[in-house]
Amino acid sequence: MDAIVQLPKESFYNTGIATYIWIIDKEKPVRNPGKVLLIDASQCYETRRKPIGNKKDDITAECRDIIVQAYGEYRDGKYSAVLSDGRTNVICKSKVLNSLSLGYSKITVESPQLDEHENIIYKKNRPVADTSLRDYENVPLDEDIDEYFVKEVLPYRKNAWIDKAKTKVGYEIPFTHLFYEYEELESADKIASRIKRQEQSIKEKLRSLFGDGGEVDE
């Protein structure tokens, strides 16, 4: 896999869910071994004047150009374009990640059954698992499973163990998390000032409605 592109949600006639393009290259360029490029083009569209079913957005030529540019440059970046209406600005963002950072091993954590005296129950010299206490952990592929287990699980589950026959490998691509940009919250002073202006505006409208003789609580 060379790259994944997240498209706008409402780009197709019969679905409004997020859509992704997977770019797979059997002859992956030497410039990016073990890497994958993620392109967030979810905000790269022009709203249609007349929707067709679920299709409300168009991926215009300008949008396609910056998506192709992001893929061609294969780097962390932010690209923008002005659409043909001359007013709408669109952007797409890209990130290059290590492929292993998107993968994990899903391990099954078992805990033993206890008898009435809180002793571990054994069968054929092996502890019997209490299925009601069964749990799962996702261990990043670039971490050692046993080291992770000792550090993150055993301190809280003293007699637990991993059923290694049930370990599975999976991948997760959290676009929202990876491309999230923190927006600084408005200061309390600005919020208070805006509320005061709104209150003053309401009072003036009430005076206008009821006249100078009307009573407006301060």
N, C-alpha and C. Protein backbone atom coordinates (compact mmCIF):
# COMPACT_ATOMS: atom_id res chain seq x y z
N MET A 1 0.84 -1.18 0.00
CA MET A 1 0.00 0.00 0.00
C MET A 1 0.88 1.24 0.00
N ASP A 2 0.61 2.15 -0.92
CA ASP A 2 1.44 3.34 -1.06
C ASP A 2 0.77 4.57 -0.45
N ALA A 3 -0.56 4.68 -0.60
CA ALA A 3 -1.26 5.86 -0.08
C ALA A 3 -2.74 5.56 0.09
N ILE A 4 -3.39 6.35 0.97
CA ILE A 4 -4.84 6.30 1.16
C ILE A 4 -5.36 7.73 1.14
N VAL A 5 -6.41 7.96 0.35
CA VAL A 5 -7.00 9.29 0.23
C VAL A 5 -8.42 9.26 0.81
N GLN A 6 -8.68 10.13 1.77
CA GLN A 6 -10.03 10.26 2.31
C GLN A 6 -10.77 11.32 1.50
N LEU A 7 -11.90 10.94 0.89
CA LEU A 7 -12.68 11.84 0.07
C LEU A 7 -13.81 12.49 0.88
N PRO A 8 -14.43 13.54 0.36
CA PRO A 8 -15.59 14.15 1.04
C PRO A 8 -16.71 13.12 1.21
N LYS A 9 -17.52 13.27 2.24
CA LYS A 9 -18.54 12.28 2.58
C LYS A 9 -19.66 12.19 1.55
N GLU A 10 -20.09 13.29 1.01
CA GLU A 10 -21.29 13.30 0.16
C GLU A 10 -20.93 13.50 -1.30
N SER A 11 -20.08 12.61 -1.80
CA SER A 11 -19.59 12.72 -3.17
C SER A 11 -20.24 11.74 -4.13
N PHE A 12 -21.04 10.79 -3.60
CA PHE A 12 -21.62 9.76 -4.45
C PHE A 12 -23.13 9.71 -4.27
N TYR A 13 -23.80 9.15 -5.27
CA TYR A 13 -25.26 9.19 -5.32
C TYR A 13 -25.95 8.42 -4.21
N ASN A 14 -25.43 7.26 -3.86
CA ASN A 14 -26.18 6.35 -2.99
C ASN A 14 -25.63 6.19 -1.58
N THR A 15 -24.68 7.00 -1.19
CA THR A 15 -24.13 6.87 0.15
C THR A 15 -23.60 8.20 0.64
N GLY A 16 -23.74 8.42 1.94
CA GLY A 16 -23.23 9.64 2.53
C GLY A 16 -22.07 9.39 3.47
N ILE A 17 -21.57 8.14 3.49
CA ILE A 17 -20.48 7.80 4.40
C ILE A 17 -19.13 8.20 3.80
N ALA A 18 -18.13 8.23 4.65
CA ALA A 18 -16.77 8.56 4.19
C ALA A 18 -16.28 7.51 3.20
N THR A 19 -15.58 7.97 2.17
CA THR A 19 -15.08 7.09 1.12
C THR A 19 -13.56 7.26 1.01
N TYR A 20 -12.87 6.14 0.76
CA TYR A 20 -11.41 6.18 0.70
C TYR A 20 -10.92 5.54 -0.60
N ILE A 21 -9.87 6.13 -1.15
CA ILE A 21 -9.17 5.54 -2.29
C ILE A 21 -7.86 4.94 -1.78
N TRP A 22 -7.65 3.65 -2.05
CA TRP A 22 -6.42 2.97 -1.67
C TRP A 22 -5.53 2.87 -2.92
N ILE A 23 -4.34 3.39 -2.81
CA ILE A 23 -3.38 3.33 -3.92
C ILE A 23 -2.35 2.25 -3.59
N ILE A 24 -2.37 1.18 -4.37
CA ILE A 24 -1.47 0.05 -4.14
C ILE A 24 -0.51 -0.06 -5.31
N ASP A 25 0.76 -0.11 -5.01
CA ASP A 25 1.80 -0.14 -6.04
C ASP A 25 2.70 -1.35 -5.79
N LYS A 26 2.68 -2.31 -6.73
CA LYS A 26 3.53 -3.49 -6.58
C LYS A 26 5.01 -3.13 -6.65
N GLU A 27 5.30 -2.03 -7.33
CA GLU A 27 6.69 -1.58 -7.44
C GLU A 27 6.84 -0.27 -6.68
N LYS A 28 6.66 -0.37 -5.37
CA LYS A 28 6.70 0.80 -4.50
C LYS A 28 8.03 1.54 -4.66
N PRO A 29 7.98 2.85 -4.91
CA PRO A 29 9.22 3.60 -5.13
C PRO A 29 10.18 3.48 -3.96
N VAL A 30 11.48 3.52 -4.25
CA VAL A 30 12.49 3.37 -3.21
C VAL A 30 12.49 4.56 -2.26
N ARG A 31 11.82 5.66 -2.67
CA ARG A 31 11.81 6.85 -1.83
C ARG A 31 11.02 6.63 -0.53
N ASN A 32 10.11 5.68 -0.51
CA ASN A 32 9.24 5.53 0.66
C ASN A 32 9.06 4.08 1.10
N PRO A 33 10.15 3.34 1.33
CA PRO A 33 10.00 1.96 1.80
C PRO A 33 9.41 1.93 3.20
N GLY A 34 8.43 1.04 3.43
CA GLY A 34 7.84 0.91 4.76
C GLY A 34 7.00 2.09 5.17
N LYS A 35 6.67 2.96 4.23
CA LYS A 35 5.90 4.16 4.53
C LYS A 35 4.53 4.11 3.85
N VAL A 36 3.60 4.91 4.38
CA VAL A 36 2.30 5.08 3.74
C VAL A 36 1.92 6.56 3.84
N LEU A 37 1.39 7.09 2.75
CA LEU A 37 0.98 8.49 2.71
C LEU A 37 -0.54 8.56 2.93
N LEU A 38 -0.96 9.35 3.90
CA LEU A 38 -2.37 9.58 4.13
C LEU A 38 -2.72 10.99 3.65
N ILE A 39 -3.76 11.08 2.84
CA ILE A 39 -4.20 12.38 2.32
C ILE A 39 -5.63 12.63 2.78
N ASP A 40 -5.81 13.69 3.55
CA ASP A 40 -7.14 14.06 4.01
C ASP A 40 -7.71 15.10 3.04
N ALA A 41 -8.57 14.61 2.13
CA ALA A 41 -9.23 15.51 1.18
C ALA A 41 -10.71 15.64 1.49
N SER A 42 -11.06 15.41 2.77
CA SER A 42 -12.47 15.42 3.16
C SER A 42 -13.11 16.80 3.05
N GLN A 43 -12.28 17.86 3.05
CA GLN A 43 -12.81 19.21 2.91
C GLN A 43 -12.48 19.81 1.55
N CYS A 44 -12.15 18.94 0.63
CA CYS A 44 -11.71 19.39 -0.70
C CYS A 44 -12.85 19.15 -1.70
N TYR A 45 -13.82 20.05 -1.72
CA TYR A 45 -14.98 19.87 -2.60
C TYR A 45 -15.70 21.20 -2.82
N GLU A 46 -16.57 21.19 -3.82
CA GLU A 46 -17.45 22.33 -4.09
C GLU A 46 -18.89 21.85 -3.93
N THR A 47 -19.68 22.57 -3.15
CA THR A 47 -21.07 22.17 -2.90
C THR A 47 -21.92 22.38 -4.16
N ARG A 48 -22.68 21.35 -4.50
CA ARG A 48 -23.55 21.43 -5.67
C ARG A 48 -24.74 22.34 -5.40
N ARG A 49 -25.20 23.02 -6.45
CA ARG A 49 -26.42 23.83 -6.31
C ARG A 49 -27.64 22.94 -6.13
N LYS A 50 -27.68 21.84 -6.86
CA LYS A 50 -28.79 20.91 -6.77
C LYS A 50 -28.26 19.51 -6.46
N PRO A 51 -28.49 19.03 -5.24
CA PRO A 51 -28.03 17.68 -4.89
C PRO A 51 -28.69 16.61 -5.75
N ILE A 52 -27.98 15.52 -5.96
CA ILE A 52 -28.54 14.36 -6.66
C ILE A 52 -28.50 13.20 -5.67
N GLY A 53 -29.65 12.90 -5.03
CA GLY A 53 -29.66 11.89 -4.00
C GLY A 53 -28.75 12.32 -2.85
N ASN A 54 -27.82 11.44 -2.47
CA ASN A 54 -26.86 11.78 -1.42
C ASN A 54 -25.69 12.61 -1.92
N LYS A 55 -25.60 12.76 -3.22
CA LYS A 55 -24.48 13.51 -3.79
C LYS A 55 -24.74 15.01 -3.68
N LYS A 56 -24.01 15.65 -2.76
CA LYS A 56 -24.16 17.08 -2.55
C LYS A 56 -22.88 17.85 -2.88
N ASP A 57 -21.78 17.10 -3.05
CA ASP A 57 -20.48 17.74 -3.25
C ASP A 57 -19.83 17.24 -4.54
N ASP A 58 -19.09 18.13 -5.19
CA ASP A 58 -18.32 17.78 -6.39
C ASP A 58 -16.83 17.93 -6.10
N ILE A 59 -16.06 16.96 -6.55
CA ILE A 59 -14.60 17.06 -6.48
C ILE A 59 -14.17 17.67 -7.81
N THR A 60 -13.94 18.96 -7.80
CA THR A 60 -13.67 19.71 -9.03
C THR A 60 -12.24 19.48 -9.51
N ALA A 61 -11.95 20.05 -10.67
CA ALA A 61 -10.60 19.93 -11.24
C ALA A 61 -9.56 20.53 -10.31
N GLU A 62 -9.91 21.66 -9.68
CA GLU A 62 -8.98 22.30 -8.75
C GLU A 62 -8.70 21.40 -7.55
N CYS A 63 -9.76 20.72 -7.09
CA CYS A 63 -9.59 19.78 -5.98
C CYS A 63 -8.69 18.61 -6.39
N ARG A 64 -8.96 18.07 -7.55
CA ARG A 64 -8.16 16.93 -8.02
C ARG A 64 -6.69 17.32 -8.16
N ASP A 65 -6.44 18.53 -8.61
CA ASP A 65 -5.05 18.98 -8.83
C ASP A 65 -4.25 18.97 -7.53
N ILE A 66 -4.84 19.47 -6.44
CA ILE A 66 -4.05 19.53 -5.20
C ILE A 66 -3.95 18.15 -4.54
N ILE A 67 -4.93 17.28 -4.79
CA ILE A 67 -4.82 15.90 -4.28
C ILE A 67 -3.67 15.18 -4.99
N VAL A 68 -3.63 15.34 -6.31
CA VAL A 68 -2.55 14.73 -7.10
C VAL A 68 -1.20 15.32 -6.71
N GLN A 69 -1.17 16.64 -6.45
CA GLN A 69 0.07 17.28 -6.02
C GLN A 69 0.55 16.70 -4.69
N ALA A 70 -0.39 16.51 -3.76
CA ALA A 70 -0.03 15.96 -2.45
C ALA A 70 0.56 14.56 -2.60
N TYR A 71 -0.04 13.75 -3.47
CA TYR A 71 0.48 12.40 -3.68
C TYR A 71 1.84 12.45 -4.36
N GLY A 72 1.99 13.34 -5.34
CA GLY A 72 3.25 13.42 -6.08
C GLY A 72 4.41 13.86 -5.21
N GLU A 73 4.15 14.76 -4.27
CA GLU A 73 5.23 15.27 -3.43
C GLU A 73 5.54 14.33 -2.25
N TYR A 74 4.58 13.51 -1.87
CA TYR A 74 4.77 12.47 -0.85
C TYR A 74 5.51 12.98 0.38
N ARG A 75 4.87 13.91 1.10
CA ARG A 75 5.46 14.50 2.29
C ARG A 75 4.35 15.02 3.20
N ASP A 76 4.73 15.39 4.42
CA ASP A 76 3.78 16.08 5.28
C ASP A 76 3.52 17.45 4.67
N GLY A 77 2.26 17.79 4.47
CA GLY A 77 2.00 19.07 3.84
C GLY A 77 0.56 19.51 3.94
N LYS A 78 0.31 20.73 3.50
CA LYS A 78 -1.03 21.31 3.47
C LYS A 78 -1.15 22.06 2.16
N TYR A 79 -2.17 21.72 1.38
CA TYR A 79 -2.33 22.28 0.04
C TYR A 79 -3.67 22.99 -0.06
N SER A 80 -3.71 24.08 -0.81
CA SER A 80 -4.95 24.83 -0.93
C SER A 80 -5.15 25.28 -2.38
N ALA A 81 -6.40 25.57 -2.69
CA ALA A 81 -6.75 26.04 -4.03
C ALA A 81 -8.02 26.88 -3.94
N VAL A 82 -8.15 27.82 -4.87
CA VAL A 82 -9.36 28.62 -4.98
C VAL A 82 -10.18 28.06 -6.13
N LEU A 83 -11.44 27.75 -5.87
CA LEU A 83 -12.28 27.14 -6.89
C LEU A 83 -12.67 28.16 -7.96
N SER A 84 -13.31 27.65 -8.99
CA SER A 84 -13.62 28.48 -10.16
C SER A 84 -14.54 29.65 -9.85
N ASP A 85 -15.29 29.57 -8.73
CA ASP A 85 -16.16 30.70 -8.38
C ASP A 85 -15.37 31.87 -7.83
N GLY A 86 -14.06 31.65 -7.58
CA GLY A 86 -13.19 32.73 -7.12
C GLY A 86 -13.34 33.05 -5.64
N ARG A 87 -14.22 32.36 -4.94
CA ARG A 87 -14.47 32.68 -3.54
C ARG A 87 -14.16 31.50 -2.61
N THR A 88 -14.45 30.31 -3.05
CA THR A 88 -14.32 29.14 -2.18
C THR A 88 -12.88 28.63 -2.12
N ASN A 89 -12.33 28.58 -0.91
CA ASN A 89 -11.00 28.01 -0.71
C ASN A 89 -11.13 26.59 -0.20
N VAL A 90 -10.38 25.69 -0.76
CA VAL A 90 -10.39 24.30 -0.31
C VAL A 90 -8.98 23.89 0.06
N ILE A 91 -8.88 22.91 0.95
CA ILE A 91 -7.56 22.44 1.38
C ILE A 91 -7.55 20.92 1.44
N CYS A 92 -6.38 20.35 1.30
CA CYS A 92 -6.18 18.95 1.65
C CYS A 92 -4.84 18.86 2.38
N LYS A 93 -4.74 17.87 3.26
CA LYS A 93 -3.56 17.73 4.09
C LYS A 93 -2.96 16.34 3.87
N SER A 94 -1.68 16.22 4.10
CA SER A 94 -1.03 14.92 3.91
C SER A 94 -0.04 14.64 5.03
N LYS A 95 0.09 13.37 5.36
CA LYS A 95 1.06 12.92 6.37
C LYS A 95 1.70 11.62 5.90
N VAL A 96 2.99 11.50 6.09
CA VAL A 96 3.72 10.27 5.80
C VAL A 96 3.97 9.55 7.12
N LEU A 97 3.53 8.29 7.18
CA LEU A 97 3.66 7.52 8.42
C LEU A 97 4.39 6.21 8.16
N ASN A 98 5.00 5.69 9.21
CA ASN A 98 5.57 4.35 9.15
C ASN A 98 4.41 3.35 9.13
N SER A 99 4.42 2.41 8.21
CA SER A 99 3.32 1.46 8.09
C SER A 99 3.05 0.72 9.39
N LEU A 100 4.12 0.38 10.13
CA LEU A 100 3.96 -0.36 11.38
C LEU A 100 3.17 0.44 12.42
N SER A 101 3.24 1.78 12.35
CA SER A 101 2.56 2.60 13.34
C SER A 101 1.05 2.50 13.23
N LEU A 102 0.54 1.98 12.11
CA LEU A 102 -0.90 1.83 11.92
C LEU A 102 -1.39 0.44 12.30
N GLY A 103 -0.46 -0.46 12.61
CA GLY A 103 -0.84 -1.84 12.91
C GLY A 103 -0.77 -2.16 14.39
N TYR A 104 -1.46 -3.23 14.75
CA TYR A 104 -1.45 -3.67 16.14
C TYR A 104 -1.70 -5.18 16.21
N SER A 105 -1.26 -5.76 17.31
CA SER A 105 -1.59 -7.16 17.62
C SER A 105 -2.69 -7.13 18.68
N LYS A 106 -3.81 -7.76 18.37
CA LYS A 106 -4.90 -7.85 19.34
C LYS A 106 -4.69 -9.10 20.18
N ILE A 107 -4.37 -8.90 21.45
CA ILE A 107 -4.10 -10.04 22.32
C ILE A 107 -5.30 -10.31 23.23
N THR A 108 -5.48 -11.59 23.57
CA THR A 108 -6.54 -12.00 24.48
C THR A 108 -5.95 -12.22 25.85
N VAL A 109 -6.43 -11.48 26.83
CA VAL A 109 -5.93 -11.56 28.20
C VAL A 109 -6.89 -12.38 29.04
N GLU A 110 -6.39 -13.45 29.62
CA GLU A 110 -7.22 -14.33 30.46
C GLU A 110 -6.84 -14.18 31.92
N SER A 111 -7.83 -14.39 32.78
CA SER A 111 -7.61 -14.40 34.23
C SER A 111 -8.17 -15.71 34.79
N PRO A 112 -7.59 -16.20 35.89
CA PRO A 112 -8.00 -17.52 36.39
C PRO A 112 -9.31 -17.50 37.18
N GLN A 113 -9.99 -18.65 37.15
CA GLN A 113 -11.12 -18.85 38.04
C GLN A 113 -10.61 -19.07 39.46
N LEU A 114 -11.37 -18.60 40.45
CA LEU A 114 -10.99 -18.77 41.85
C LEU A 114 -12.06 -19.58 42.58
N ASP A 115 -11.62 -20.39 43.53
CA ASP A 115 -12.62 -21.12 44.31
C ASP A 115 -13.11 -20.25 45.47
N GLU A 116 -13.90 -20.85 46.36
CA GLU A 116 -14.52 -20.08 47.44
C GLU A 116 -13.49 -19.51 48.41
N HIS A 117 -12.28 -20.06 48.39
CA HIS A 117 -11.22 -19.56 49.27
C HIS A 117 -10.24 -18.64 48.53
N GLU A 118 -10.65 -18.20 47.34
CA GLU A 118 -9.84 -17.29 46.53
C GLU A 118 -8.56 -17.93 46.02
N ASN A 119 -8.57 -19.27 45.89
CA ASN A 119 -7.43 -19.98 45.32
C ASN A 119 -7.68 -20.23 43.83
N ILE A 120 -6.62 -20.23 43.05
CA ILE A 120 -6.74 -20.46 41.61
C ILE A 120 -7.13 -21.91 41.34
N ILE A 121 -8.09 -22.09 40.44
CA ILE A 121 -8.52 -23.44 40.06
C ILE A 121 -7.66 -23.92 38.89
N TYR A 122 -7.13 -25.14 39.02
CA TYR A 122 -6.27 -25.71 37.99
C TYR A 122 -6.94 -26.93 37.36
N LYS A 123 -6.62 -27.18 36.11
CA LYS A 123 -7.04 -28.40 35.43
C LYS A 123 -5.88 -28.86 34.57
N LYS A 124 -5.42 -30.09 34.80
CA LYS A 124 -4.24 -30.62 34.11
C LYS A 124 -3.05 -29.68 34.29
N ASN A 125 -2.89 -29.21 35.54
CA ASN A 125 -1.77 -28.35 35.93
C ASN A 125 -1.77 -26.98 35.24
N ARG A 126 -2.90 -26.60 34.68
CA ARG A 126 -3.00 -25.28 34.06
C ARG A 126 -4.18 -24.53 34.66
N PRO A 127 -4.03 -23.22 34.90
CA PRO A 127 -5.14 -22.45 35.47
C PRO A 127 -6.33 -22.43 34.52
N VAL A 128 -7.53 -22.53 35.08
CA VAL A 128 -8.75 -22.49 34.29
C VAL A 128 -9.16 -21.03 34.11
N ALA A 129 -9.40 -20.64 32.85
CA ALA A 129 -9.75 -19.24 32.56
C ALA A 129 -11.17 -18.92 32.99
N ASP A 130 -11.34 -17.74 33.57
CA ASP A 130 -12.67 -17.22 33.90
C ASP A 130 -13.11 -16.35 32.72
N THR A 131 -13.99 -16.89 31.89
CA THR A 131 -14.37 -16.19 30.66
C THR A 131 -15.05 -14.85 30.93
N SER A 132 -15.64 -14.69 32.11
CA SER A 132 -16.29 -13.42 32.42
C SER A 132 -15.28 -12.30 32.64
N LEU A 133 -14.00 -12.68 32.86
CA LEU A 133 -12.94 -11.69 33.06
C LEU A 133 -12.06 -11.52 31.83
N ARG A 134 -12.42 -12.21 30.76
CA ARG A 134 -11.61 -12.13 29.54
C ARG A 134 -11.56 -10.69 29.02
N ASP A 135 -10.39 -10.26 28.59
CA ASP A 135 -10.22 -8.89 28.11
C ASP A 135 -9.30 -8.90 26.90
N TYR A 136 -9.24 -7.75 26.22
CA TYR A 136 -8.42 -7.65 25.00
C TYR A 136 -7.58 -6.38 25.06
N GLU A 137 -6.41 -6.46 24.47
CA GLU A 137 -5.52 -5.29 24.38
C GLU A 137 -4.97 -5.20 22.96
N ASN A 138 -4.87 -3.98 22.45
CA ASN A 138 -4.23 -3.75 21.15
C ASN A 138 -2.81 -3.27 21.39
N VAL A 139 -1.85 -4.07 20.97
CA VAL A 139 -0.44 -3.75 21.17
C VAL A 139 0.16 -3.29 19.85
N PRO A 140 0.71 -2.07 19.78
CA PRO A 140 1.32 -1.61 18.54
C PRO A 140 2.32 -2.61 17.99
N LEU A 141 2.33 -2.75 16.66
CA LEU A 141 3.22 -3.73 16.04
C LEU A 141 4.70 -3.46 16.31
N ASP A 142 5.02 -2.20 16.56
CA ASP A 142 6.43 -1.88 16.80
C ASP A 142 6.80 -2.01 18.28
N GLU A 143 5.92 -2.62 19.10
CA GLU A 143 6.23 -2.90 20.50
C GLU A 143 6.26 -4.40 20.73
N ASP A 144 7.11 -4.85 21.64
CA ASP A 144 7.18 -6.26 22.01
C ASP A 144 5.96 -6.61 22.85
N ILE A 145 5.24 -7.66 22.45
CA ILE A 145 4.00 -8.02 23.14
C ILE A 145 4.26 -8.38 24.61
N ASP A 146 5.26 -9.17 24.88
CA ASP A 146 5.52 -9.60 26.26
C ASP A 146 5.93 -8.43 27.14
N GLU A 147 6.75 -7.53 26.60
CA GLU A 147 7.15 -6.35 27.38
C GLU A 147 5.94 -5.47 27.67
N TYR A 148 5.09 -5.31 26.67
CA TYR A 148 3.88 -4.51 26.85
C TYR A 148 3.00 -5.12 27.94
N PHE A 149 2.86 -6.44 27.90
CA PHE A 149 2.01 -7.16 28.86
C PHE A 149 2.52 -6.96 30.29
N VAL A 150 3.82 -7.09 30.47
CA VAL A 150 4.41 -6.93 31.80
C VAL A 150 4.22 -5.50 32.31
N LYS A 151 4.34 -4.54 31.42
CA LYS A 151 4.28 -3.13 31.82
C LYS A 151 2.86 -2.61 31.97
N GLU A 152 1.96 -3.01 31.06
CA GLU A 152 0.64 -2.39 31.00
C GLU A 152 -0.49 -3.24 31.57
N VAL A 153 -0.29 -4.54 31.72
CA VAL A 153 -1.39 -5.41 32.15
C VAL A 153 -1.15 -6.03 33.53
N LEU A 154 -0.01 -6.68 33.70
CA LEU A 154 0.24 -7.40 34.95
C LEU A 154 0.13 -6.55 36.22
N PRO A 155 0.52 -5.28 36.20
CA PRO A 155 0.37 -4.49 37.43
C PRO A 155 -1.09 -4.39 37.89
N TYR A 156 -2.03 -4.60 36.97
CA TYR A 156 -3.46 -4.47 37.31
C TYR A 156 -4.19 -5.82 37.31
N ARG A 157 -3.58 -6.83 36.71
CA ARG A 157 -4.18 -8.17 36.64
C ARG A 157 -3.07 -9.17 37.01
N LYS A 158 -2.83 -9.34 38.31
CA LYS A 158 -1.66 -10.05 38.81
C LYS A 158 -1.45 -11.43 38.22
N ASN A 159 -2.49 -12.23 38.09
CA ASN A 159 -2.34 -13.62 37.65
C ASN A 159 -2.78 -13.84 36.20
N ALA A 160 -2.88 -12.76 35.46
CA ALA A 160 -3.36 -12.87 34.07
C ALA A 160 -2.29 -13.46 33.17
N TRP A 161 -2.72 -13.92 32.01
CA TRP A 161 -1.79 -14.42 30.99
C TRP A 161 -2.37 -14.16 29.60
N ILE A 162 -1.54 -14.30 28.59
CA ILE A 162 -1.97 -14.11 27.20
C ILE A 162 -2.27 -15.46 26.58
N ASP A 163 -3.44 -15.59 25.96
CA ASP A 163 -3.73 -16.78 25.16
C ASP A 163 -3.19 -16.49 23.76
N LYS A 164 -1.94 -16.87 23.53
CA LYS A 164 -1.26 -16.47 22.29
C LYS A 164 -1.85 -17.12 21.05
N ALA A 165 -2.59 -18.20 21.22
CA ALA A 165 -3.22 -18.85 20.06
C ALA A 165 -4.31 -17.96 19.45
N LYS A 166 -4.79 -16.98 20.22
CA LYS A 166 -5.87 -16.12 19.75
C LYS A 166 -5.39 -14.75 19.29
N THR A 167 -4.08 -14.53 19.27
CA THR A 167 -3.55 -13.23 18.85
C THR A 167 -3.80 -12.99 17.36
N LYS A 168 -4.31 -11.81 17.05
CA LYS A 168 -4.58 -11.43 15.66
C LYS A 168 -3.94 -10.08 15.36
N VAL A 169 -3.57 -9.91 14.09
CA VAL A 169 -2.97 -8.65 13.65
C VAL A 169 -4.00 -7.84 12.89
N GLY A 170 -4.10 -6.57 13.22
CA GLY A 170 -5.03 -5.69 12.52
C GLY A 170 -4.42 -4.32 12.27
N TYR A 171 -5.12 -3.51 11.49
CA TYR A 171 -4.65 -2.16 11.19
C TYR A 171 -5.78 -1.17 11.40
N GLU A 172 -5.45 -0.01 11.89
CA GLU A 172 -6.42 1.05 12.11
C GLU A 172 -5.86 2.35 11.55
N ILE A 173 -6.68 3.09 10.82
CA ILE A 173 -6.23 4.34 10.22
C ILE A 173 -7.14 5.47 10.71
N PRO A 174 -6.82 6.05 11.85
CA PRO A 174 -7.69 7.08 12.45
C PRO A 174 -7.46 8.46 11.85
N PHE A 175 -8.07 8.71 10.70
CA PHE A 175 -7.87 9.98 10.00
C PHE A 175 -8.19 11.18 10.90
N THR A 176 -9.33 11.11 11.61
CA THR A 176 -9.75 12.24 12.43
C THR A 176 -8.69 12.57 13.48
N HIS A 177 -8.16 11.54 14.13
CA HIS A 177 -7.14 11.76 15.15
C HIS A 177 -5.84 12.27 14.55
N LEU A 178 -5.43 11.69 13.46
CA LEU A 178 -4.13 12.04 12.87
C LEU A 178 -4.11 13.46 12.31
N PHE A 179 -5.25 13.93 11.80
CA PHE A 179 -5.28 15.25 11.17
C PHE A 179 -5.95 16.32 12.04
N TYR A 180 -6.20 15.97 13.29
CA TYR A 180 -6.84 16.95 14.19
C TYR A 180 -5.89 18.12 14.45
N GLU A 181 -6.43 19.32 14.38
CA GLU A 181 -5.66 20.52 14.68
C GLU A 181 -6.33 21.26 15.83
N TYR A 182 -5.58 21.45 16.89
CA TYR A 182 -6.13 22.12 18.07
C TYR A 182 -6.44 23.57 17.77
N GLU A 183 -7.62 24.00 18.14
CA GLU A 183 -8.01 25.39 17.99
C GLU A 183 -8.11 26.01 19.39
N GLU A 184 -7.33 27.05 19.60
CA GLU A 184 -7.30 27.69 20.92
C GLU A 184 -8.67 28.25 21.26
N LEU A 185 -9.10 27.98 22.49
CA LEU A 185 -10.41 28.44 22.93
C LEU A 185 -10.41 29.95 23.12
N GLU A 186 -11.56 30.55 22.91
CA GLU A 186 -11.72 31.99 23.10
C GLU A 186 -11.53 32.31 24.58
N SER A 187 -10.86 33.42 24.88
CA SER A 187 -10.60 33.79 26.26
C SER A 187 -11.90 34.17 26.97
N ALA A 188 -11.87 34.05 28.29
CA ALA A 188 -13.05 34.38 29.09
C ALA A 188 -13.44 35.85 28.92
N ASP A 189 -12.43 36.73 28.78
CA ASP A 189 -12.71 38.16 28.61
C ASP A 189 -13.47 38.43 27.32
N LYS A 190 -13.06 37.75 26.25
CA LYS A 190 -13.74 37.94 24.97
C LYS A 190 -15.17 37.41 25.01
N ILE A 191 -15.35 36.26 25.68
CA ILE A 191 -16.70 35.69 25.79
C ILE A 191 -17.60 36.64 26.58
N ALA A 192 -17.07 37.16 27.72
CA ALA A 192 -17.85 38.09 28.54
C ALA A 192 -18.21 39.35 27.76
N SER A 193 -17.24 39.85 26.98
CA SER A 193 -17.49 41.06 26.18
C SER A 193 -18.56 40.81 25.13
N ARG A 194 -18.53 39.63 24.49
CA ARG A 194 -19.53 39.32 23.47
C ARG A 194 -20.92 39.19 24.09
N ILE A 195 -21.00 38.57 25.27
CA ILE A 195 -22.28 38.43 25.95
C ILE A 195 -22.84 39.81 26.33
N LYS A 196 -21.95 40.69 26.80
CA LYS A 196 -22.38 42.03 27.18
C LYS A 196 -22.94 42.78 25.98
N ARG A 197 -22.28 42.64 24.81
CA ARG A 197 -22.77 43.30 23.60
C ARG A 197 -24.14 42.75 23.20
N GLN A 198 -24.30 41.44 23.32
CA GLN A 198 -25.58 40.83 22.97
C GLN A 198 -26.68 41.29 23.91
N GLU A 199 -26.36 41.38 25.20
CA GLU A 199 -27.35 41.86 26.17
C GLU A 199 -27.76 43.30 25.86
N GLN A 200 -26.77 44.14 25.52
CA GLN A 200 -27.06 45.53 25.19
C GLN A 200 -27.93 45.62 23.96
N SER A 201 -27.65 44.75 22.97
CA SER A 201 -28.44 44.74 21.74
C SER A 201 -29.89 44.35 22.03
N ILE A 202 -30.08 43.38 22.92
CA ILE A 202 -31.44 42.95 23.28
C ILE A 202 -32.19 44.07 23.99
N LYS A 203 -31.51 44.77 24.89
CA LYS A 203 -32.14 45.87 25.61
C LYS A 203 -32.58 46.98 24.65
N GLU A 204 -31.72 47.28 23.69
CA GLU A 204 -32.06 48.33 22.72
C GLU A 204 -33.26 47.93 21.87
N LYS A 205 -33.33 46.65 21.50
CA LYS A 205 -34.48 46.18 20.72
C LYS A 205 -35.76 46.23 21.54
N LEU A 206 -35.66 45.92 22.84
CA LEU A 206 -36.83 45.99 23.71
C LEU A 206 -37.31 47.43 23.88
N ARG A 207 -36.36 48.37 24.02
CA ARG A 207 -36.74 49.78 24.13
C ARG A 207 -37.42 50.26 22.86
N SER A 208 -36.87 49.79 21.73
CA SER A 208 -37.47 50.16 20.46
C SER A 208 -38.87 49.61 20.32
N LEU A 209 -39.08 48.41 20.86
CA LEU A 209 -40.38 47.76 20.74
C LEU A 209 -41.41 48.37 21.67
N PHE A 210 -41.01 48.68 22.94
CA PHE A 210 -41.96 49.15 23.93
C PHE A 210 -41.92 50.66 24.12
N GLY A 211 -40.94 51.34 23.52
CA GLY A 211 -40.84 52.78 23.68
C GLY A 211 -40.07 53.14 24.93
N ASP A 212 -39.80 54.43 25.08
CA ASP A 212 -39.03 54.90 26.24
C ASP A 212 -39.75 54.68 27.55
N GLY A 213 -41.10 54.55 27.45
CA GLY A 213 -41.84 54.36 28.69
C GLY A 213 -41.81 52.95 29.20
N GLY A 214 -41.35 52.01 28.36
CA GLY A 214 -41.28 50.61 28.77
C GLY A 214 -40.19 50.39 29.78
N GLU A 215 -40.37 49.46 30.66
CA GLU A 215 -39.36 49.18 31.69
C GLU A 215 -38.51 47.99 31.23
N VAL A 216 -37.22 48.20 31.27
CA VAL A 216 -36.27 47.15 30.92
C VAL A 216 -35.33 46.95 32.09
N ASP A 217 -35.33 45.77 32.67
CA ASP A 217 -34.47 45.49 33.81
C ASP A 217 -33.00 45.57 33.39
N GLU A 218 -32.23 46.18 34.21
CA GLU A 218 -30.80 46.29 33.97
C GLU A 218 -30.07 45.13 34.65
